[in-house]
Amino acid sequence: MIPEHYQLTLVPKTRLHMGICGSIAAYKALDLSRSFQRLGFQVGATLTQSGAQFITPLSLTALGLDPVYNELFAPDDQVYAHLEPGQNSRTFLVAPASANTMAKMAGGLADTMLSCQLLAAPCPIVVAPAMNPNLWEAEATRENVHRLMQRENIHVIPPDSGLVACGETGSGRLASQPELLWNTVRHMTCFDLQGYRLLLTLGPTREFWDPVRFWTNPSSGKMGAAMALTAWLRGAEVHCVSGPHDQWLPKDISQTSVTSAREMYEACTDLWPTADIGCLCGAVCDFRPETCAEQKFKKDTHQGRLTIPFVSNPDILRTLGEHKRPDQLLIGFAAESENDYEALARKKIATKNLDCIVANCITQRDTGFDASKNTVTVYFSDGRTHPLPSMTKADVSWKIWDLICTK
């Protein structure tokens, strides 16, 4: 299931074709195909003879996949079925991919419907192996995988490690559904951020005032995670400096985990010189307790009242703006409680040397902190203003990157 804040509206009716080989993991292709459909893709599939021992063509057809292929010598109305997926699909996903099918791909064999379609397909091909660890670690399999990875249009998603169906433990489990889903989507989108290195902050910070209690805010990291995911989908090299959060991100996105605002400050200032774009979505605590007690505060020692002095945390956005080079782009986020927040946004652009700022009102219902949707306005340093309606945070993020890329 795709989390609601990651629900992304892409080009409707775009075609994806799936190849499904003989593996117990074949059953996972059914749920995976539904996830692609929820994103608006049309999905077709080809089952190998071995794959059809685990799931049937009827199962795929019943889920709305069309066309569905199986035999190499198809009926007369499918005389060119070996060419059709490559001609009409944006991407070809083979999941699960067996050792046998990968060997055929590496050697250029075309003796089955799937191997023939893959050989003839000019579109990007995503290969997700799933097999017994001994098969995966076999020298011949490793050589075949290496050969496939040298080809420009083939991307291999390595299997996960763990317990496999036969009871053995090792590498061979089909990669997780989110990894398969989003790595495939990445090869179906524009790569207009390719070559850019993105520094992004997400999530809250926590400021401890004793060993068990801290000062923080309700940020879930959903907006920052959506900005990171969509930038990565568009080809950017993304490094997140992440406060405490539980959002899923692709393995290709690097993360530096921090807790306090000062830790986030140090990580960001270290990474900023090598970044092309800074996007600070993190909800940083502006203040922290002046000291952190070594022992837990006891209620009975404070006579019903506890006073904790606070001091200011370093301003990460202002510091990056002060050290911003002409070739760098800096994006801020502002969560405001006033409905008329344009003046505040414009002031932050000027005082913090920003290229743009994304502002939203946190008092609006069903948007902002921990919500799956957001309603924002994007303000640019050149005076442009772009209000965006309430959308999922992934759709908001995609629109923001559209604006950035056309700036």
Protein backbone atom coordinates (compact mmCIF):
# COMPACT_ATOMS: atom_id res chain seq x y z
CA MET A 1 0.00 0.00 0.00
CA ILE A 2 1.31 3.46 -0.92
CA PRO A 3 1.18 5.91 2.02
CA GLU A 4 -1.22 8.73 1.20
CA HIS A 5 1.43 11.45 1.42
CA TYR A 6 3.44 9.54 -1.23
CA GLN A 7 0.46 9.26 -3.59
CA LEU A 8 1.77 10.88 -6.74
CA THR A 9 -0.15 11.94 -9.84
CA LEU A 10 2.09 11.18 -12.81
CA VAL A 11 1.44 11.06 -16.55
CA PRO A 12 -1.90 9.23 -16.84
CA LYS A 13 -2.22 6.09 -18.95
CA THR A 14 1.54 5.58 -19.14
CA ARG A 15 2.27 1.93 -19.91
CA LEU A 16 4.47 -0.33 -17.79
CA HIS A 17 5.12 -3.97 -18.66
CA MET A 18 6.04 -6.60 -16.07
CA GLY A 19 7.91 -9.85 -16.60
CA ILE A 20 7.19 -12.51 -13.97
CA CYS A 21 9.48 -15.55 -13.66
CA GLY A 22 9.38 -18.82 -11.73
CA SER A 23 9.84 -17.99 -8.05
CA ILE A 24 7.68 -18.24 -4.96
CA ALA A 25 8.00 -14.43 -4.92
CA ALA A 26 5.84 -14.33 -8.07
CA TYR A 27 2.77 -13.85 -5.91
CA LYS A 28 4.15 -10.46 -4.84
CA ALA A 29 3.79 -9.24 -8.42
CA LEU A 30 0.02 -9.17 -7.96
CA ASP A 31 0.08 -6.58 -5.18
CA LEU A 32 2.90 -4.70 -6.86
CA SER A 33 0.87 -4.34 -10.05
CA ARG A 34 -1.99 -2.84 -8.04
CA SER A 35 0.39 -0.24 -6.61
CA PHE A 36 1.40 0.80 -10.11
CA GLN A 37 -2.26 1.05 -11.07
CA ARG A 38 -2.95 3.27 -8.05
CA LEU A 39 -0.34 5.68 -9.42
CA GLY A 40 -2.27 5.81 -12.70
CA PHE A 41 -0.15 3.49 -14.83
CA GLN A 42 -1.50 1.01 -17.33
CA VAL A 43 0.12 -2.37 -16.64
CA GLY A 44 0.70 -5.38 -18.86
CA ALA A 45 2.55 -8.58 -18.02
CA THR A 46 4.34 -11.61 -19.41
CA LEU A 47 4.47 -14.84 -17.42
CA THR A 48 7.14 -17.43 -18.10
CA GLN A 49 6.04 -21.07 -18.07
CA SER A 50 7.68 -21.45 -14.66
CA GLY A 51 6.06 -18.26 -13.41
CA ALA A 52 2.67 -19.64 -14.42
CA GLN A 53 3.21 -22.49 -11.96
CA PHE A 54 2.93 -19.95 -9.12
CA ILE A 55 0.30 -17.52 -10.45
CA THR A 56 -1.94 -17.76 -13.50
CA PRO A 57 -2.57 -15.45 -16.46
CA LEU A 58 -6.18 -15.28 -15.28
CA SER A 59 -5.05 -13.83 -11.94
CA LEU A 60 -3.33 -10.99 -13.77
CA THR A 61 -6.23 -10.40 -16.14
CA ALA A 62 -8.68 -10.34 -13.23
CA LEU A 63 -6.63 -7.50 -11.68
CA GLY A 64 -6.96 -5.45 -14.87
CA LEU A 65 -3.56 -6.11 -16.43
CA ASP A 66 -3.69 -5.88 -20.19
CA PRO A 67 -2.18 -7.34 -22.29
CA VAL A 68 -1.09 -10.57 -20.58
CA TYR A 69 1.31 -12.87 -22.45
CA ASN A 70 2.52 -16.39 -21.74
CA GLU A 71 3.40 -18.61 -24.72
CA LEU A 72 5.94 -17.60 -27.36
CA PHE A 73 3.76 -18.79 -30.21
CA ALA A 74 0.65 -16.77 -29.41
CA PRO A 75 -2.70 -16.71 -31.24
CA ASP A 76 -2.91 -15.01 -34.63
CA ASP A 77 -4.01 -11.69 -33.12
CA GLN A 78 -0.74 -11.61 -31.13
CA VAL A 79 1.62 -12.41 -33.97
CA TYR A 80 3.91 -9.52 -33.00
CA ALA A 81 3.54 -9.98 -29.25
CA HIS A 82 7.31 -10.45 -28.93
CA LEU A 83 7.73 -6.81 -30.01
CA GLU A 84 4.67 -5.14 -28.51
CA PRO A 85 5.84 -4.39 -24.91
CA GLY A 86 9.01 -2.68 -26.07
CA GLN A 87 7.07 -0.60 -28.58
CA ASN A 88 4.33 0.56 -26.21
CA SER A 89 5.83 0.61 -22.70
CA ARG A 90 7.83 3.31 -20.95
CA THR A 91 9.61 0.74 -18.76
CA PHE A 92 9.93 -3.05 -18.50
CA LEU A 93 10.13 -4.48 -14.94
CA VAL A 94 11.20 -8.11 -14.43
CA ALA A 95 10.15 -9.06 -10.89
CA PRO A 96 10.89 -11.65 -9.79
CA ALA A 97 13.76 -12.34 -12.19
CA SER A 98 15.07 -15.90 -12.10
CA ALA A 99 18.70 -16.96 -12.65
CA ASN A 100 17.55 -18.65 -15.85
CA THR A 101 15.95 -15.52 -17.31
CA MET A 102 18.94 -13.36 -16.38
CA ALA A 103 21.24 -15.87 -18.08
CA LYS A 104 19.13 -15.62 -21.24
CA MET A 105 19.24 -11.81 -21.06
CA ALA A 106 23.02 -11.80 -20.58
CA GLY A 107 23.55 -14.16 -23.50
CA GLY A 108 21.01 -12.54 -25.83
CA LEU A 109 18.81 -15.64 -26.05
CA ALA A 110 15.23 -15.30 -27.25
CA ASP A 111 13.67 -18.74 -26.93
CA THR A 112 10.74 -17.72 -24.68
CA MET A 113 8.16 -14.96 -24.97
CA LEU A 114 9.71 -12.99 -22.11
CA SER A 115 13.35 -13.34 -23.22
CA CYS A 116 12.37 -12.36 -26.78
CA GLN A 117 10.43 -9.31 -25.56
CA LEU A 118 13.34 -8.21 -23.37
CA LEU A 119 15.86 -8.59 -26.18
CA ALA A 120 13.67 -6.48 -28.48
CA ALA A 121 12.78 -3.79 -25.90
CA PRO A 122 14.54 -0.42 -26.36
CA CYS A 123 12.98 1.01 -23.17
CA PRO A 124 14.63 0.96 -19.72
CA ILE A 125 14.58 -2.51 -18.14
CA VAL A 126 14.50 -2.92 -14.35
CA VAL A 127 15.57 -6.36 -13.13
CA ALA A 128 14.75 -7.57 -9.60
CA PRO A 129 16.25 -11.02 -8.89
CA ALA A 130 14.71 -13.49 -6.42
CA MET A 131 16.13 -16.97 -5.81
CA ASN A 132 17.85 -19.31 -3.38
CA PRO A 133 21.05 -17.76 -1.91
CA ASN A 134 23.19 -20.49 -3.51
CA LEU A 135 21.77 -19.63 -6.94
CA TRP A 136 22.35 -15.92 -6.34
CA GLU A 137 25.93 -16.43 -5.14
CA ALA A 138 26.82 -18.86 -7.95
CA GLU A 139 29.73 -17.62 -10.07
CA ALA A 140 27.74 -17.90 -13.30
CA THR A 141 24.88 -15.82 -11.85
CA ARG A 142 27.26 -13.15 -10.60
CA GLU A 143 28.91 -12.97 -14.02
CA ASN A 144 25.54 -12.64 -15.73
CA VAL A 145 24.42 -9.91 -13.34
CA HIS A 146 27.67 -8.04 -13.92
CA ARG A 147 27.16 -8.20 -17.69
CA LEU A 148 23.62 -6.90 -17.36
CA MET A 149 24.70 -3.99 -15.17
CA GLN A 150 27.12 -2.85 -17.88
CA ARG A 151 24.25 -2.22 -20.27
CA GLU A 152 22.96 1.32 -20.41
CA ASN A 153 19.24 0.50 -20.41
CA ILE A 154 19.31 -2.13 -17.63
CA HIS A 155 19.06 -1.37 -13.90
CA VAL A 156 19.41 -4.22 -11.39
CA ILE A 157 17.78 -3.98 -7.96
CA PRO A 158 19.78 -6.39 -5.76
CA PRO A 159 17.84 -8.85 -3.61
CA ASP A 160 17.48 -8.43 0.13
CA SER A 161 19.02 -10.72 2.73
CA GLY A 162 17.05 -12.85 5.15
CA LEU A 163 15.06 -16.04 5.44
CA VAL A 164 13.97 -17.42 2.07
CA ALA A 165 11.14 -19.83 1.25
CA CYS A 166 13.27 -22.98 1.41
CA GLY A 167 14.30 -22.18 4.96
CA GLU A 168 17.84 -21.01 4.20
CA THR A 169 19.14 -17.57 5.13
CA GLY A 170 21.13 -15.30 2.85
CA SER A 171 20.83 -12.92 -0.10
CA GLY A 172 18.05 -13.85 -2.49
CA ARG A 173 14.81 -12.37 -1.18
CA LEU A 174 12.96 -10.16 -3.63
CA ALA A 175 13.60 -6.50 -2.82
CA SER A 176 10.86 -4.74 -0.86
CA GLN A 177 7.79 -3.51 -2.68
CA PRO A 178 8.60 0.20 -2.10
CA GLU A 179 12.09 -0.29 -3.59
CA LEU A 180 10.63 -2.07 -6.63
CA LEU A 181 7.83 0.46 -7.05
CA TRP A 182 9.82 3.67 -6.81
CA ASN A 183 12.95 2.44 -8.60
CA THR A 184 10.71 1.52 -11.53
CA VAL A 185 8.84 4.83 -11.40
CA ARG A 186 12.20 6.61 -11.41
CA HIS A 187 12.88 5.20 -14.87
CA MET A 188 9.53 6.49 -16.10
CA THR A 189 10.01 10.15 -15.17
CA CYS A 190 11.92 13.14 -16.48
CA PHE A 191 15.51 13.34 -15.21
CA ASP A 192 15.62 17.15 -15.11
CA LEU A 193 17.48 17.12 -11.76
CA GLN A 194 20.14 14.67 -12.89
CA GLY A 195 23.61 15.91 -12.02
CA TYR A 196 22.40 18.00 -9.08
CA ARG A 197 23.46 17.24 -5.51
CA LEU A 198 20.67 18.01 -3.08
CA LEU A 199 21.09 18.66 0.64
CA LEU A 200 17.72 18.28 2.36
CA THR A 201 16.60 18.42 5.98
CA LEU A 202 13.49 16.68 7.26
CA GLY A 203 11.72 15.83 10.48
CA PRO A 204 11.80 17.57 13.86
CA THR A 205 14.67 18.17 16.23
CA ARG A 206 14.60 17.24 19.91
CA GLU A 207 16.14 19.35 22.68
CA PHE A 208 16.56 17.37 25.91
CA TRP A 209 16.24 19.05 29.29
CA ASP A 210 16.77 15.88 31.31
CA PRO A 211 17.68 12.30 30.31
CA VAL A 212 14.09 11.33 29.42
CA ARG A 213 12.27 14.54 28.43
CA PHE A 214 12.71 16.83 25.48
CA TRP A 215 11.31 19.92 23.76
CA THR A 216 10.14 19.33 20.18
CA ASN A 217 7.32 19.88 17.66
CA PRO A 218 4.72 17.70 15.83
CA SER A 219 6.65 17.35 12.56
CA SER A 220 6.45 13.83 11.10
CA GLY A 221 8.97 14.35 8.30
CA LYS A 222 6.35 13.57 5.63
CA MET A 223 6.84 16.80 3.66
CA GLY A 224 10.61 16.51 3.69
CA ALA A 225 10.46 12.84 2.74
CA ALA A 226 8.14 13.68 -0.17
CA MET A 227 10.53 16.41 -1.34
CA ALA A 228 13.45 13.97 -1.11
CA LEU A 229 11.62 11.16 -2.91
CA THR A 230 10.41 13.33 -5.78
CA ALA A 231 13.82 14.95 -6.27
CA TRP A 232 15.40 11.49 -6.39
CA LEU A 233 12.74 10.34 -8.87
CA ARG A 234 13.79 13.24 -11.09
CA GLY A 235 17.43 12.16 -11.02
CA ALA A 236 18.98 14.18 -8.19
CA GLU A 237 21.64 12.79 -5.87
CA VAL A 238 19.96 13.31 -2.49
CA HIS A 239 21.52 13.48 0.97
CA CYS A 240 19.10 13.92 3.87
CA VAL A 241 19.98 15.30 7.27
CA SER A 242 17.16 13.71 9.22
CA GLY A 243 15.72 14.41 12.61
CA PRO A 244 13.78 11.59 14.32
CA HIS A 245 11.22 10.19 11.85
CA ASP A 246 9.83 6.91 10.54
CA GLN A 247 9.36 7.76 6.85
CA TRP A 248 10.51 5.26 4.22
CA LEU A 249 13.14 6.49 1.76
CA PRO A 250 14.87 4.63 -1.11
CA LYS A 251 18.20 3.01 -0.31
CA ASP A 252 19.88 5.27 -2.88
CA ILE A 253 19.13 8.32 -0.72
CA SER A 254 21.89 8.93 1.81
CA GLN A 255 20.89 9.90 5.33
CA THR A 256 22.68 11.51 8.25
CA SER A 257 20.58 10.98 11.37
CA VAL A 258 20.61 13.73 14.00
CA THR A 259 18.60 14.58 17.09
CA SER A 260 19.24 18.18 18.13
CA ALA A 261 19.27 21.43 16.19
CA ARG A 262 22.99 21.84 16.81
CA GLU A 263 23.67 18.40 15.36
CA MET A 264 21.58 19.29 12.31
CA TYR A 265 23.48 22.59 12.02
CA GLU A 266 26.88 20.85 12.08
CA ALA A 267 25.82 18.25 9.50
CA CYS A 268 24.35 20.86 7.16
CA THR A 269 27.31 23.22 7.33
CA ASP A 270 29.64 20.29 6.60
CA LEU A 271 27.64 19.16 3.56
CA TRP A 272 26.63 22.54 2.12
CA PRO A 273 29.92 23.33 0.28
CA THR A 274 29.51 20.25 -1.96
CA ALA A 275 25.77 20.68 -2.60
CA ASP A 276 24.13 22.36 -5.58
CA ILE A 277 20.71 22.79 -3.95
CA GLY A 278 19.77 23.18 -0.31
CA CYS A 279 16.17 22.41 0.65
CA LEU A 280 15.52 22.89 4.36
CA CYS A 281 12.20 21.23 5.18
CA GLY A 282 13.17 20.21 8.70
CA ALA A 283 11.15 21.65 11.59
CA VAL A 284 14.04 22.88 13.72
CA CYS A 285 13.47 23.95 17.31
CA ASP A 286 14.44 27.63 17.44
CA PHE A 287 15.23 27.34 21.16
CA ARG A 288 16.74 24.72 23.46
CA PRO A 289 17.00 24.35 27.24
CA GLU A 290 20.08 26.15 28.46
CA THR A 291 21.32 22.99 30.17
CA CYS A 292 20.38 19.31 30.25
CA ALA A 293 20.18 17.83 33.72
CA GLU A 294 22.16 14.67 34.35
CA GLN A 295 19.32 13.16 36.38
CA LYS A 296 15.58 12.99 35.76
CA PHE A 297 13.63 15.90 37.23
CA LYS A 298 11.44 14.81 40.15
CA LYS A 299 8.01 16.31 40.57
CA ASP A 300 8.16 16.49 44.34
CA THR A 301 11.34 18.59 44.35
CA HIS A 302 9.88 21.52 42.37
CA GLN A 303 6.79 22.37 44.46
CA GLY A 304 4.37 22.12 41.53
CA ARG A 305 6.31 24.51 39.29
CA LEU A 306 9.21 23.88 36.91
CA THR A 307 11.14 26.73 35.29
CA ILE A 308 13.57 25.93 32.48
CA PRO A 309 15.59 28.75 30.87
CA PHE A 310 15.92 28.51 27.07
CA VAL A 311 18.54 29.87 24.69
CA SER A 312 18.51 30.31 20.91
CA ASN A 313 19.66 27.58 18.57
CA PRO A 314 21.86 28.44 15.56
CA ASP A 315 19.89 29.53 12.48
CA ILE A 316 20.76 26.86 9.90
CA LEU A 317 18.97 28.52 6.98
CA ARG A 318 20.54 31.93 7.61
CA THR A 319 24.02 30.39 7.95
CA LEU A 320 23.73 28.50 4.65
CA GLY A 321 22.42 31.67 3.01
CA GLU A 322 25.41 33.66 4.27
CA HIS A 323 27.75 31.11 2.68
CA LYS A 324 25.75 30.51 -0.51
CA ARG A 325 27.72 30.68 -3.73
CA PRO A 326 26.21 32.18 -6.90
CA ASP A 327 25.91 28.68 -8.38
CA GLN A 328 23.96 27.32 -5.40
CA LEU A 329 20.18 27.37 -4.88
CA LEU A 330 18.67 27.64 -1.40
CA ILE A 331 15.04 26.78 -0.62
CA GLY A 332 13.43 27.44 2.74
CA PHE A 333 10.20 26.23 4.30
CA ALA A 334 8.07 28.33 6.63
CA ALA A 335 5.23 26.92 8.74
CA GLU A 336 3.28 29.94 9.95
CA SER A 337 0.23 30.33 12.18
CA GLU A 338 -0.96 33.60 10.59
CA ASN A 339 -3.16 33.41 7.50
CA ASP A 340 -1.44 36.39 5.89
CA TYR A 341 2.09 35.04 5.79
CA GLU A 342 3.40 36.64 2.59
CA ALA A 343 5.17 39.48 4.42
CA LEU A 344 6.88 37.00 6.73
CA ALA A 345 7.94 34.85 3.76
CA ARG A 346 9.31 37.83 1.82
CA LYS A 347 11.25 39.00 4.89
CA LYS A 348 12.87 35.56 5.28
CA ILE A 349 13.88 35.56 1.61
CA ALA A 350 15.66 38.87 2.09
CA THR A 351 17.25 38.30 5.49
CA LYS A 352 18.38 34.72 4.83
CA ASN A 353 19.48 35.11 1.20
CA LEU A 354 17.02 32.55 -0.16
CA ASP A 355 16.12 31.85 -3.75
CA CYS A 356 12.62 30.81 -2.75
CA ILE A 357 10.55 29.85 0.26
CA VAL A 358 7.59 27.48 0.58
CA ALA A 359 5.08 28.79 3.12
CA ASN A 360 2.00 27.24 4.62
CA CYS A 361 -0.44 28.01 7.41
CA ILE A 362 -0.36 25.29 10.06
CA THR A 363 -3.81 26.23 11.40
CA GLN A 364 -5.57 25.10 8.21
CA ARG A 365 -7.46 21.87 8.69
CA ASP A 366 -6.00 18.60 7.33
CA THR A 367 -2.75 20.18 6.11
CA GLY A 368 0.68 20.83 7.58
CA PHE A 369 2.18 18.89 10.47
CA ASP A 370 1.70 15.10 10.23
CA ALA A 371 -1.03 15.46 7.58
CA SER A 372 -0.85 13.65 4.24
CA LYS A 373 -1.78 16.79 2.32
CA ASN A 374 -0.47 20.32 2.22
CA THR A 375 -1.58 23.70 0.91
CA VAL A 376 1.37 25.99 0.21
CA THR A 377 2.47 29.13 -1.58
CA VAL A 378 5.89 29.31 -3.21
CA TYR A 379 7.57 32.73 -3.12
CA PHE A 380 10.64 33.49 -5.26
CA SER A 381 13.29 36.12 -4.70
CA ASP A 382 12.43 37.71 -8.06
CA GLY A 383 8.92 38.50 -6.84
CA ARG A 384 7.04 35.59 -8.37
CA THR A 385 4.29 33.99 -6.31
CA HIS A 386 2.79 30.55 -6.95
CA PRO A 387 -0.07 29.38 -4.72
CA LEU A 388 -0.67 25.62 -4.86
CA PRO A 389 -4.00 24.03 -3.92
CA SER A 390 -4.42 21.27 -1.36
CA MET A 391 -2.73 18.13 -2.68
CA THR A 392 -0.86 15.13 -1.34
CA LYS A 393 2.58 16.10 -0.14
CA ALA A 394 4.15 14.14 -3.01
CA ASP A 395 2.10 16.11 -5.56
CA VAL A 396 2.96 19.39 -3.81
CA SER A 397 6.63 18.41 -3.90
CA TRP A 398 6.47 17.53 -7.60
CA LYS A 399 4.91 20.93 -8.38
CA ILE A 400 7.60 22.70 -6.34
CA TRP A 401 10.34 20.95 -8.30
CA ASP A 402 8.51 21.89 -11.52
CA LEU A 403 8.74 25.53 -10.45
CA ILE A 404 12.39 25.21 -9.43
CA CYS A 405 13.39 23.50 -12.67
CA THR A 406 11.72 26.18 -14.81
CA LYS A 407 13.11 29.09 -12.80
